[in-house]
Amino acid sequence: MQKEKLMQYLSEAIDKGLRISVASFSSNVNKEVAVEFAARLSD
């Protein structure tokens, strides 16, 4: 996956008013990492 293309895709989706959903299902993530990323998305 290419970050630049992903950022362009997300930007276009947001401009069109599409709903963006992010999910992390990793089994090696602890509570501190999960809450950090949730807080950033919350902002």
PDB file of all heavy atoms in Angstrom:
ATOM      1  N   MET A   1       0.846  -1.171   0.000  1.00  0.00           N
ATOM      2  CA  MET A   1       0.000   0.000   0.000  1.00  0.00           C
ATOM      3  C   MET A   1       0.892   1.235   0.000  1.00  0.00           C
ATOM      4  O   MET A   1       1.893   1.272   0.698  1.00  0.00           O
ATOM      5  CB  MET A   1      -0.895  -0.015   1.238  1.00  0.00           C
ATOM      6  CG  MET A   1      -1.822   1.137   1.298  1.00  0.00           C
ATOM      7  SD  MET A   1      -2.891   1.214   2.765  1.00  0.00           S
ATOM      8  CE  MET A   1      -3.176  -0.466   3.199  1.00  0.00           C
ATOM      9  N   GLN A   2       0.516   2.224  -0.763  1.00  0.00           N
ATOM     10  CA  GLN A   2       1.304   3.442  -0.863  1.00  0.00           C
ATOM     11  C   GLN A   2       0.619   4.564  -0.076  1.00  0.00           C
ATOM     12  O   GLN A   2      -0.538   4.911  -0.350  1.00  0.00           O
ATOM     13  CB  GLN A   2       1.473   3.842  -2.318  1.00  0.00           C
ATOM     14  CG  GLN A   2       2.242   2.806  -3.109  1.00  0.00           C
ATOM     15  CD  GLN A   2       2.376   3.213  -4.565  1.00  0.00           C
ATOM     16  OE1 GLN A   2       1.966   4.293  -4.961  1.00  0.00           O
ATOM     17  NE2 GLN A   2       2.955   2.339  -5.351  1.00  0.00           N
ATOM     18  N   LYS A   3       1.350   5.149   0.854  1.00  0.00           N
ATOM     19  CA  LYS A   3       0.791   6.179   1.724  1.00  0.00           C
ATOM     20  C   LYS A   3       0.281   7.390   0.945  1.00  0.00           C
ATOM     21  O   LYS A   3      -0.791   7.911   1.237  1.00  0.00           O
ATOM     22  CB  LYS A   3       1.835   6.645   2.744  1.00  0.00           C
ATOM     23  CG  LYS A   3       2.097   5.659   3.836  1.00  0.00           C
ATOM     24  CD  LYS A   3       3.104   6.254   4.815  1.00  0.00           C
ATOM     25  CE  LYS A   3       3.483   5.279   5.880  1.00  0.00           C
ATOM     26  NZ  LYS A   3       4.458   5.843   6.809  1.00  0.00           N
ATOM     27  N   GLU A   4       1.042   7.843  -0.039  1.00  0.00           N
ATOM     28  CA  GLU A   4       0.636   9.028  -0.792  1.00  0.00           C
ATOM     29  C   GLU A   4      -0.699   8.804  -1.513  1.00  0.00           C
ATOM     30  O   GLU A   4      -1.574   9.666  -1.497  1.00  0.00           O
ATOM     31  CB  GLU A   4       1.719   9.432  -1.789  1.00  0.00           C
ATOM     32  CG  GLU A   4       2.949  10.009  -1.127  1.00  0.00           C
ATOM     33  CD  GLU A   4       4.038  10.350  -2.126  1.00  0.00           C
ATOM     34  OE1 GLU A   4       3.741  10.517  -3.324  1.00  0.00           O
ATOM     35  OE2 GLU A   4       5.196  10.449  -1.690  1.00  0.00           O
ATOM     36  N   LYS A   5      -0.851   7.639  -2.141  1.00  0.00           N
ATOM     37  CA  LYS A   5      -2.100   7.330  -2.833  1.00  0.00           C
ATOM     38  C   LYS A   5      -3.254   7.177  -1.842  1.00  0.00           C
ATOM     39  O   LYS A   5      -4.377   7.580  -2.122  1.00  0.00           O
ATOM     40  CB  LYS A   5      -1.948   6.076  -3.680  1.00  0.00           C
ATOM     41  CG  LYS A   5      -1.126   6.306  -4.928  1.00  0.00           C
ATOM     42  CD  LYS A   5      -1.102   5.076  -5.793  1.00  0.00           C
ATOM     43  CE  LYS A   5      -0.317   5.338  -7.072  1.00  0.00           C
ATOM     44  NZ  LYS A   5      -0.318   4.165  -7.954  1.00  0.00           N
ATOM     45  N   LEU A   6      -2.958   6.594  -0.689  1.00  0.00           N
ATOM     46  CA  LEU A   6      -3.986   6.452   0.340  1.00  0.00           C
ATOM     47  C   LEU A   6      -4.444   7.823   0.826  1.00  0.00           C
ATOM     48  O   LEU A   6      -5.645   8.069   0.965  1.00  0.00           O
ATOM     49  CB  LEU A   6      -3.462   5.623   1.514  1.00  0.00           C
ATOM     50  CG  LEU A   6      -4.407   5.491   2.711  1.00  0.00           C
ATOM     51  CD1 LEU A   6      -5.717   4.824   2.300  1.00  0.00           C
ATOM     52  CD2 LEU A   6      -3.727   4.723   3.827  1.00  0.00           C
ATOM     53  N   MET A   7      -3.519   8.733   1.067  1.00  0.00           N
ATOM     54  CA  MET A   7      -3.878  10.078   1.523  1.00  0.00           C
ATOM     55  C   MET A   7      -4.700  10.815   0.459  1.00  0.00           C
ATOM     56  O   MET A   7      -5.670  11.498   0.781  1.00  0.00           O
ATOM     57  CB  MET A   7      -2.628  10.893   1.865  1.00  0.00           C
ATOM     58  CG  MET A   7      -1.846  10.379   3.059  1.00  0.00           C
ATOM     59  SD  MET A   7      -2.835  10.404   4.575  1.00  0.00           S
ATOM     60  CE  MET A   7      -3.136   8.679   4.815  1.00  0.00           C
ATOM     61  N   GLN A   8      -4.350  10.648  -0.800  1.00  0.00           N
ATOM     62  CA  GLN A   8      -5.107  11.266  -1.887  1.00  0.00           C
ATOM     63  C   GLN A   8      -6.520  10.688  -1.929  1.00  0.00           C
ATOM     64  O   GLN A   8      -7.501  11.416  -2.070  1.00  0.00           O
ATOM     65  CB  GLN A   8      -4.405  11.049  -3.225  1.00  0.00           C
ATOM     66  CG  GLN A   8      -5.145  11.660  -4.396  1.00  0.00           C
ATOM     67  CD  GLN A   8      -4.452  11.406  -5.725  1.00  0.00           C
ATOM     68  OE1 GLN A   8      -3.393  10.800  -5.791  1.00  0.00           O
ATOM     69  NE2 GLN A   8      -5.058  11.868  -6.795  1.00  0.00           N
ATOM     70  N   TYR A   9      -6.624   9.378  -1.816  1.00  0.00           N
ATOM     71  CA  TYR A   9      -7.920   8.699  -1.816  1.00  0.00           C
ATOM     72  C   TYR A   9      -8.792   9.203  -0.669  1.00  0.00           C
ATOM     73  O   TYR A   9      -9.969   9.529  -0.861  1.00  0.00           O
ATOM     74  CB  TYR A   9      -7.690   7.191  -1.695  1.00  0.00           C
ATOM     75  CG  TYR A   9      -8.937   6.383  -1.554  1.00  0.00           C
ATOM     76  CD1 TYR A   9      -9.665   5.984  -2.660  1.00  0.00           C
ATOM     77  CD2 TYR A   9      -9.391   5.997  -0.292  1.00  0.00           C
ATOM     78  CE1 TYR A   9     -10.821   5.232  -2.529  1.00  0.00           C
ATOM     79  CE2 TYR A   9     -10.545   5.249  -0.148  1.00  0.00           C
ATOM     80  CZ  TYR A   9     -11.249   4.867  -1.268  1.00  0.00           C
ATOM     81  OH  TYR A   9     -12.391   4.133  -1.113  1.00  0.00           O
ATOM     82  N   LEU A  10      -8.224   9.266   0.540  1.00  0.00           N
ATOM     83  CA  LEU A  10      -8.986   9.726   1.695  1.00  0.00           C
ATOM     84  C   LEU A  10      -9.415  11.181   1.528  1.00  0.00           C
ATOM     85  O   LEU A  10     -10.540  11.547   1.866  1.00  0.00           O
ATOM     86  CB  LEU A  10      -8.167   9.550   2.978  1.00  0.00           C
ATOM     87  CG  LEU A  10      -7.936   8.110   3.413  1.00  0.00           C
ATOM     88  CD1 LEU A  10      -6.967   8.060   4.586  1.00  0.00           C
ATOM     89  CD2 LEU A  10      -9.245   7.421   3.749  1.00  0.00           C
ATOM     90  N   SER A  11      -8.531  12.008   1.005  1.00  0.00           N
ATOM     91  CA  SER A  11      -8.855  13.412   0.778  1.00  0.00           C
ATOM     92  C   SER A  11     -10.036  13.551  -0.183  1.00  0.00           C
ATOM     93  O   SER A  11     -10.973  14.325   0.062  1.00  0.00           O
ATOM     94  CB  SER A  11      -7.632  14.147   0.230  1.00  0.00           C
ATOM     95  OG  SER A  11      -7.942  15.494  -0.020  1.00  0.00           O
ATOM     96  N   GLU A  12     -10.009  12.791  -1.264  1.00  0.00           N
ATOM     97  CA  GLU A  12     -11.103  12.839  -2.234  1.00  0.00           C
ATOM     98  C   GLU A  12     -12.404  12.324  -1.627  1.00  0.00           C
ATOM     99  O   GLU A  12     -13.476  12.887  -1.870  1.00  0.00           O
ATOM    100  CB  GLU A  12     -10.734  12.039  -3.478  1.00  0.00           C
ATOM    101  CG  GLU A  12      -9.640  12.690  -4.306  1.00  0.00           C
ATOM    102  CD  GLU A  12      -9.161  11.828  -5.462  1.00  0.00           C
ATOM    103  OE1 GLU A  12      -9.816  10.815  -5.795  1.00  0.00           O
ATOM    104  OE2 GLU A  12      -8.105  12.171  -6.037  1.00  0.00           O
ATOM    105  N   ALA A  13     -12.313  11.270  -0.825  1.00  0.00           N
ATOM    106  CA  ALA A  13     -13.508  10.720  -0.176  1.00  0.00           C
ATOM    107  C   ALA A  13     -14.123  11.733   0.782  1.00  0.00           C
ATOM    108  O   ALA A  13     -15.345  11.915   0.810  1.00  0.00           O
ATOM    109  CB  ALA A  13     -13.159   9.427   0.557  1.00  0.00           C
ATOM    110  N   ILE A  14     -13.285  12.421   1.538  1.00  0.00           N
ATOM    111  CA  ILE A  14     -13.773  13.437   2.474  1.00  0.00           C
ATOM    112  C   ILE A  14     -14.414  14.587   1.709  1.00  0.00           C
ATOM    113  O   ILE A  14     -15.487  15.064   2.073  1.00  0.00           O
ATOM    114  CB  ILE A  14     -12.622  13.927   3.381  1.00  0.00           C
ATOM    115  CG1 ILE A  14     -12.210  12.793   4.331  1.00  0.00           C
ATOM    116  CG2 ILE A  14     -13.015  15.179   4.147  1.00  0.00           C
ATOM    117  CD1 ILE A  14     -10.894  13.028   5.043  1.00  0.00           C
ATOM    118  N   ASP A  15     -13.757  15.022   0.618  1.00  0.00           N
ATOM    119  CA  ASP A  15     -14.307  16.111  -0.200  1.00  0.00           C
ATOM    120  C   ASP A  15     -15.683  15.760  -0.764  1.00  0.00           C
ATOM    121  O   ASP A  15     -16.527  16.641  -0.950  1.00  0.00           O
ATOM    122  CB  ASP A  15     -13.360  16.465  -1.342  1.00  0.00           C
ATOM    123  CG  ASP A  15     -12.093  17.150  -0.861  1.00  0.00           C
ATOM    124  OD1 ASP A  15     -12.045  17.601   0.312  1.00  0.00           O
ATOM    125  OD2 ASP A  15     -11.124  17.211  -1.644  1.00  0.00           O
ATOM    126  N   LYS A  16     -15.929  14.490  -1.040  1.00  0.00           N
ATOM    127  CA  LYS A  16     -17.219  14.049  -1.586  1.00  0.00           C
ATOM    128  C   LYS A  16     -18.251  13.776  -0.479  1.00  0.00           C
ATOM    129  O   LYS A  16     -19.379  13.395  -0.757  1.00  0.00           O
ATOM    130  CB  LYS A  16     -17.027  12.787  -2.415  1.00  0.00           C
ATOM    131  CG  LYS A  16     -16.104  13.000  -3.603  1.00  0.00           C
ATOM    132  CD  LYS A  16     -16.806  12.678  -4.872  1.00  0.00           C
ATOM    133  CE  LYS A  16     -15.848  12.778  -6.030  1.00  0.00           C
ATOM    134  NZ  LYS A  16     -16.103  13.923  -6.853  1.00  0.00           N
ATOM    135  N   GLY A  17     -17.838  13.940   0.792  1.00  0.00           N
ATOM    136  CA  GLY A  17     -18.757  13.740   1.909  1.00  0.00           C
ATOM    137  C   GLY A  17     -18.954  12.292   2.304  1.00  0.00           C
ATOM    138  O   GLY A  17     -19.917  11.971   3.001  1.00  0.00           O
ATOM    139  N   LEU A  18     -18.064  11.405   1.869  1.00  0.00           N
ATOM    140  CA  LEU A  18     -18.185   9.997   2.231  1.00  0.00           C
ATOM    141  C   LEU A  18     -17.781   9.786   3.687  1.00  0.00           C
ATOM    142  O   LEU A  18     -16.959  10.507   4.236  1.00  0.00           O
ATOM    143  CB  LEU A  18     -17.300   9.145   1.327  1.00  0.00           C
ATOM    144  CG  LEU A  18     -17.615   9.212  -0.170  1.00  0.00           C
ATOM    145  CD1 LEU A  18     -16.625   8.362  -0.944  1.00  0.00           C
ATOM    146  CD2 LEU A  18     -19.036   8.761  -0.441  1.00  0.00           C
ATOM    147  N   ARG A  19     -18.355   8.776   4.305  1.00  0.00           N
ATOM    148  CA  ARG A  19     -18.031   8.416   5.688  1.00  0.00           C
ATOM    149  C   ARG A  19     -16.778   7.542   5.685  1.00  0.00           C
ATOM    150  O   ARG A  19     -16.703   6.568   4.945  1.00  0.00           O
ATOM    151  CB  ARG A  19     -19.196   7.671   6.310  1.00  0.00           C
ATOM    152  CG  ARG A  19     -19.001   7.357   7.767  1.00  0.00           C
ATOM    153  CD  ARG A  19     -20.305   6.781   8.335  1.00  0.00           C
ATOM    154  NE  ARG A  19     -20.194   6.541   9.737  1.00  0.00           N
ATOM    155  CZ  ARG A  19     -20.347   7.463  10.674  1.00  0.00           C
ATOM    156  NH1 ARG A  19     -20.629   8.686  10.352  1.00  0.00           N
ATOM    157  NH2 ARG A  19     -20.231   7.149  11.942  1.00  0.00           N
ATOM    158  N   ILE A  20     -15.813   7.882   6.523  1.00  0.00           N
ATOM    159  CA  ILE A  20     -14.567   7.140   6.638  1.00  0.00           C
ATOM    160  C   ILE A  20     -14.608   6.341   7.936  1.00  0.00           C
ATOM    161  O   ILE A  20     -14.938   6.880   8.999  1.00  0.00           O
ATOM    162  CB  ILE A  20     -13.340   8.078   6.665  1.00  0.00           C
ATOM    163  CG1 ILE A  20     -13.327   9.004   5.458  1.00  0.00           C
ATOM    164  CG2 ILE A  20     -12.054   7.282   6.799  1.00  0.00           C
ATOM    165  CD1 ILE A  20     -13.157   8.322   4.131  1.00  0.00           C
ATOM    166  N   SER A  21     -14.263   5.054   7.855  1.00  0.00           N
ATOM    167  CA  SER A  21     -14.237   4.188   9.028  1.00  0.00           C
ATOM    168  C   SER A  21     -12.863   3.556   9.160  1.00  0.00           C
ATOM    169  O   SER A  21     -12.324   3.027   8.191  1.00  0.00           O
ATOM    170  CB  SER A  21     -15.312   3.108   8.882  1.00  0.00           C
ATOM    171  OG  SER A  21     -15.347   2.297  10.021  1.00  0.00           O
ATOM    172  N   VAL A  22     -12.310   3.624  10.369  1.00  0.00           N
ATOM    173  CA  VAL A  22     -10.991   3.066  10.665  1.00  0.00           C
ATOM    174  C   VAL A  22     -11.172   1.994  11.723  1.00  0.00           C
ATOM    175  O   VAL A  22     -11.911   2.191  12.690  1.00  0.00           O
ATOM    176  CB  VAL A  22     -10.049   4.170  11.216  1.00  0.00           C
ATOM    177  CG1 VAL A  22      -8.699   3.593  11.587  1.00  0.00           C
ATOM    178  CG2 VAL A  22      -9.916   5.311  10.233  1.00  0.00           C
ATOM    179  N   ALA A  23     -10.505   0.867  11.551  1.00  0.00           N
ATOM    180  CA  ALA A  23     -10.578  -0.185  12.562  1.00  0.00           C
ATOM    181  C   ALA A  23      -9.209  -0.810  12.756  1.00  0.00           C
ATOM    182  O   ALA A  23      -8.486  -1.042  11.800  1.00  0.00           O
ATOM    183  CB  ALA A  23     -11.579  -1.260  12.152  1.00  0.00           C
ATOM    184  N   SER A  24      -8.863  -1.054  14.006  1.00  0.00           N
ATOM    185  CA  SER A  24      -7.615  -1.736  14.345  1.00  0.00           C
ATOM    186  C   SER A  24      -7.965  -2.999  15.113  1.00  0.00           C
ATOM    187  O   SER A  24      -8.545  -2.931  16.194  1.00  0.00           O
ATOM    188  CB  SER A  24      -6.726  -0.834  15.206  1.00  0.00           C
ATOM    189  OG  SER A  24      -5.649  -1.589  15.708  1.00  0.00           O
ATOM    190  N   PHE A  25      -7.614  -4.138  14.527  1.00  0.00           N
ATOM    191  CA  PHE A  25      -7.903  -5.426  15.151  1.00  0.00           C
ATOM    192  C   PHE A  25      -6.636  -6.155  15.573  1.00  0.00           C
ATOM    193  O   PHE A  25      -6.654  -7.335  15.824  1.00  0.00           O
ATOM    194  CB  PHE A  25      -8.692  -6.325  14.187  1.00  0.00           C
ATOM    195  CG  PHE A  25     -10.039  -5.788  13.842  1.00  0.00           C
ATOM    196  CD1 PHE A  25     -10.261  -5.152  12.631  1.00  0.00           C
ATOM    197  CD2 PHE A  25     -11.091  -5.898  14.722  1.00  0.00           C
ATOM    198  CE1 PHE A  25     -11.506  -4.650  12.303  1.00  0.00           C
ATOM    199  CE2 PHE A  25     -12.345  -5.401  14.409  1.00  0.00           C
ATOM    200  CZ  PHE A  25     -12.544  -4.778  13.190  1.00  0.00           C
ATOM    201  N   SER A  26      -5.508  -5.469  15.619  1.00  0.00           N
ATOM    202  CA  SER A  26      -4.226  -6.095  15.900  1.00  0.00           C
ATOM    203  C   SER A  26      -4.214  -6.739  17.278  1.00  0.00           C
ATOM    204  O   SER A  26      -4.667  -6.157  18.261  1.00  0.00           O
ATOM    205  CB  SER A  26      -3.106  -5.052  15.816  1.00  0.00           C
ATOM    206  OG  SER A  26      -1.875  -5.653  16.112  1.00  0.00           O
ATOM    207  N   SER A  27      -3.660  -7.941  17.349  1.00  0.00           N
ATOM    208  CA  SER A  27      -3.594  -8.641  18.630  1.00  0.00           C
ATOM    209  C   SER A  27      -2.364  -8.256  19.439  1.00  0.00           C
ATOM    210  O   SER A  27      -2.220  -8.699  20.571  1.00  0.00           O
ATOM    211  CB  SER A  27      -3.602 -10.154  18.389  1.00  0.00           C
ATOM    212  OG  SER A  27      -2.464 -10.525  17.636  1.00  0.00           O
ATOM    213  N   ASN A  28      -1.472  -7.436  18.870  1.00  0.00           N
ATOM    214  CA  ASN A  28      -0.275  -7.056  19.625  1.00  0.00           C
ATOM    215  C   ASN A  28      -0.322  -5.603  20.085  1.00  0.00           C
ATOM    216  O   ASN A  28       0.687  -5.011  20.392  1.00  0.00           O
ATOM    217  CB  ASN A  28       0.988  -7.311  18.800  1.00  0.00           C
ATOM    218  CG  ASN A  28       1.070  -6.435  17.572  1.00  0.00           C
ATOM    219  OD1 ASN A  28       0.083  -5.852  17.156  1.00  0.00           O
ATOM    220  ND2 ASN A  28       2.234  -6.351  16.979  1.00  0.00           N
ATOM    221  N   VAL A  29      -1.522  -5.009  20.137  1.00  0.00           N
ATOM    222  CA  VAL A  29      -1.685  -3.631  20.583  1.00  0.00           C
ATOM    223  C   VAL A  29      -2.172  -3.630  22.028  1.00  0.00           C
ATOM    224  O   VAL A  29      -3.135  -4.308  22.365  1.00  0.00           O
ATOM    225  CB  VAL A  29      -2.690  -2.879  19.680  1.00  0.00           C
ATOM    226  CG1 VAL A  29      -3.012  -1.512  20.242  1.00  0.00           C
ATOM    227  CG2 VAL A  29      -2.133  -2.759  18.279  1.00  0.00           C
ATOM    228  N   ASN A  30      -1.494  -2.844  22.867  1.00  0.00           N
ATOM    229  CA  ASN A  30      -1.940  -2.750  24.249  1.00  0.00           C
ATOM    230  C   ASN A  30      -2.926  -1.596  24.409  1.00  0.00           C
ATOM    231  O   ASN A  30      -3.189  -0.838  23.476  1.00  0.00           O
ATOM    232  CB  ASN A  30      -0.749  -2.616  25.203  1.00  0.00           C
ATOM    233  CG  ASN A  30       0.042  -1.345  24.994  1.00  0.00           C
ATOM    234  OD1 ASN A  30      -0.443  -0.359  24.470  1.00  0.00           O
ATOM    235  ND2 ASN A  30       1.293  -1.367  25.432  1.00  0.00           N
ATOM    236  N   LYS A  31      -3.465  -1.462  25.585  1.00  0.00           N
ATOM    237  CA  LYS A  31      -4.495  -0.469  25.856  1.00  0.00           C
ATOM    238  C   LYS A  31      -3.985   0.956  25.626  1.00  0.00           C
ATOM    239  O   LYS A  31      -4.707   1.799  25.091  1.00  0.00           O
ATOM    240  CB  LYS A  31      -4.985  -0.629  27.295  1.00  0.00           C
ATOM    241  CG  LYS A  31      -6.116   0.288  27.672  1.00  0.00           C
ATOM    242  CD  LYS A  31      -6.626  -0.014  29.076  1.00  0.00           C
ATOM    243  CE  LYS A  31      -7.813   0.858  29.420  1.00  0.00           C
ATOM    244  NZ  LYS A  31      -8.381   0.508  30.730  1.00  0.00           N
ATOM    245  N   GLU A  32      -2.743   1.230  26.003  1.00  0.00           N
ATOM    246  CA  GLU A  32      -2.187   2.580  25.871  1.00  0.00           C
ATOM    247  C   GLU A  32      -2.105   3.013  24.408  1.00  0.00           C
ATOM    248  O   GLU A  32      -2.429   4.151  24.062  1.00  0.00           O
ATOM    249  CB  GLU A  32      -0.806   2.664  26.525  1.00  0.00           C
ATOM    250  CG  GLU A  32      -0.841   2.565  28.043  1.00  0.00           C
ATOM    251  CD  GLU A  32      -1.052   1.147  28.568  1.00  0.00           C
ATOM    252  OE1 GLU A  32      -0.773   0.165  27.839  1.00  0.00           O
ATOM    253  OE2 GLU A  32      -1.525   1.015  29.711  1.00  0.00           O
ATOM    254  N   VAL A  33      -1.692   2.116  23.528  1.00  0.00           N
ATOM    255  CA  VAL A  33      -1.599   2.435  22.100  1.00  0.00           C
ATOM    256  C   VAL A  33      -2.997   2.632  21.518  1.00  0.00           C
ATOM    257  O   VAL A  33      -3.248   3.575  20.774  1.00  0.00           O
ATOM    258  CB  VAL A  33      -0.827   1.334  21.338  1.00  0.00           C
ATOM    259  CG1 VAL A  33      -0.905   1.553  19.836  1.00  0.00           C
ATOM    260  CG2 VAL A  33       0.625   1.286  21.800  1.00  0.00           C
ATOM    261  N   ALA A  34      -3.914   1.752  21.871  1.00  0.00           N
ATOM    262  CA  ALA A  34      -5.284   1.849  21.360  1.00  0.00           C
ATOM    263  C   ALA A  34      -5.935   3.165  21.771  1.00  0.00           C
ATOM    264  O   ALA A  34      -6.556   3.847  20.952  1.00  0.00           O
ATOM    265  CB  ALA A  34      -6.111   0.662  21.847  1.00  0.00           C
ATOM    266  N   VAL A  35      -5.776   3.557  23.029  1.00  0.00           N
ATOM    267  CA  VAL A  35      -6.404   4.800  23.489  1.00  0.00           C
ATOM    268  C   VAL A  35      -5.721   6.019  22.871  1.00  0.00           C
ATOM    269  O   VAL A  35      -6.371   7.028  22.586  1.00  0.00           O
ATOM    270  CB  VAL A  35      -6.461   4.892  25.027  1.00  0.00           C
ATOM    271  CG1 VAL A  35      -5.117   5.228  25.638  1.00  0.00           C
ATOM    272  CG2 VAL A  35      -7.505   5.914  25.457  1.00  0.00           C
ATOM    273  N   GLU A  36      -4.419   5.943  22.625  1.00  0.00           N
ATOM    274  CA  GLU A  36      -3.718   7.056  21.979  1.00  0.00           C
ATOM    275  C   GLU A  36      -4.284   7.322  20.579  1.00  0.00           C
ATOM    276  O   GLU A  36      -4.596   8.461  20.231  1.00  0.00           O
ATOM    277  CB  GLU A  36      -2.226   6.769  21.874  1.00  0.00           C
ATOM    278  CG  GLU A  36      -1.471   7.824  21.086  1.00  0.00           C
ATOM    279  CD  GLU A  36      -0.044   7.427  20.747  1.00  0.00           C
ATOM    280  OE1 GLU A  36       0.507   6.508  21.364  1.00  0.00           O
ATOM    281  OE2 GLU A  36       0.508   8.057  19.823  1.00  0.00           O
ATOM    282  N   PHE A  37      -4.429   6.261  19.797  1.00  0.00           N
ATOM    283  CA  PHE A  37      -4.943   6.435  18.439  1.00  0.00           C
ATOM    284  C   PHE A  37      -6.425   6.808  18.442  1.00  0.00           C
ATOM    285  O   PHE A  37      -6.879   7.587  17.603  1.00  0.00           O
ATOM    286  CB  PHE A  37      -4.655   5.204  17.586  1.00  0.00           C
ATOM    287  CG  PHE A  37      -3.269   5.228  17.031  1.00  0.00           C
ATOM    288  CD1 PHE A  37      -2.204   4.729  17.763  1.00  0.00           C
ATOM    289  CD2 PHE A  37      -3.010   5.790  15.796  1.00  0.00           C
ATOM    290  CE1 PHE A  37      -0.921   4.792  17.277  1.00  0.00           C
ATOM    291  CE2 PHE A  37      -1.727   5.851  15.288  1.00  0.00           C
ATOM    292  CZ  PHE A  37      -0.669   5.354  16.033  1.00  0.00           C
ATOM    293  N   ALA A  38      -7.180   6.282  19.387  1.00  0.00           N
ATOM    294  CA  ALA A  38      -8.592   6.669  19.505  1.00  0.00           C
ATOM    295  C   ALA A  38      -8.703   8.146  19.868  1.00  0.00           C
ATOM    296  O   ALA A  38      -9.549   8.860  19.311  1.00  0.00           O
ATOM    297  CB  ALA A  38      -9.289   5.806  20.552  1.00  0.00           C
ATOM    298  N   ALA A  39      -7.854   8.627  20.755  1.00  0.00           N
ATOM    299  CA  ALA A  39      -7.888  10.037  21.156  1.00  0.00           C
ATOM    300  C   ALA A  39      -7.533  10.947  19.986  1.00  0.00           C
ATOM    301  O   ALA A  39      -8.150  12.001  19.791  1.00  0.00           O
ATOM    302  CB  ALA A  39      -6.944  10.275  22.326  1.00  0.00           C
ATOM    303  N   ARG A  40      -6.557  10.542  19.194  1.00  0.00           N
ATOM    304  CA  ARG A  40      -6.180  11.338  18.024  1.00  0.00           C
ATOM    305  C   ARG A  40      -7.322  11.394  17.012  1.00  0.00           C
ATOM    306  O   ARG A  40      -7.615  12.443  16.441  1.00  0.00           O
ATOM    307  CB  ARG A  40      -4.910  10.783  17.404  1.00  0.00           C
ATOM    308  CG  ARG A  40      -3.687  11.035  18.294  1.00  0.00           C
ATOM    309  CD  ARG A  40      -2.463  10.296  17.861  1.00  0.00           C
ATOM    310  NE  ARG A  40      -2.011  10.695  16.535  1.00  0.00           N
ATOM    311  CZ  ARG A  40      -1.030  10.082  15.886  1.00  0.00           C
ATOM    312  NH1 ARG A  40      -0.378   9.079  16.440  1.00  0.00           N
ATOM    313  NH2 ARG A  40      -0.677  10.487  14.684  1.00  0.00           N
ATOM    314  N   LEU A  41      -7.984  10.254  16.791  1.00  0.00           N
ATOM    315  CA  LEU A  41      -9.128  10.243  15.878  1.00  0.00           C
ATOM    316  C   LEU A  41     -10.283  11.056  16.457  1.00  0.00           C
ATOM    317  O   LEU A  41     -10.988  11.745  15.729  1.00  0.00           O
ATOM    318  CB  LEU A  41      -9.573   8.803  15.590  1.00  0.00           C
ATOM    319  CG  LEU A  41     -10.637   8.684  14.514  1.00  0.00           C
ATOM    320  CD1 LEU A  41     -10.080   9.088  13.152  1.00  0.00           C
ATOM    321  CD2 LEU A  41     -11.185   7.271  14.457  1.00  0.00           C
ATOM    322  N   SER A  42     -10.446  11.004  17.765  1.00  0.00           N
ATOM    323  CA  SER A  42     -11.483  11.774  18.435  1.00  0.00           C
ATOM    324  C   SER A  42     -11.317  13.269  18.160  1.00  0.00           C
ATOM    325  O   SER A  42     -12.299  13.968  17.886  1.00  0.00           O
ATOM    326  CB  SER A  42     -11.422  11.516  19.946  1.00  0.00           C
ATOM    327  OG  SER A  42     -12.284  12.372  20.639  1.00  0.00           O
ATOM    328  N   ASP A  43     -10.087  13.747  18.205  1.00  0.00           N
ATOM    329  CA  ASP A  43      -9.822  15.156  17.893  1.00  0.00           C
ATOM    330  C   ASP A  43     -10.212  15.480  16.454  1.00  0.00           C
ATOM    331  O   ASP A  43     -10.821  16.516  16.188  1.00  0.00           O
ATOM    332  CB  ASP A  43      -8.344  15.494  18.104  1.00  0.00           C
ATOM    333  CG  ASP A  43      -7.968  15.564  19.577  1.00  0.00           C
ATOM    334  OD1 ASP A  43      -8.870  15.689  20.426  1.00  0.00           O
ATOM    335  OD2 ASP A  43      -6.755  15.487  19.870  1.00  0.00           O
TER     336      ASP A  43
END
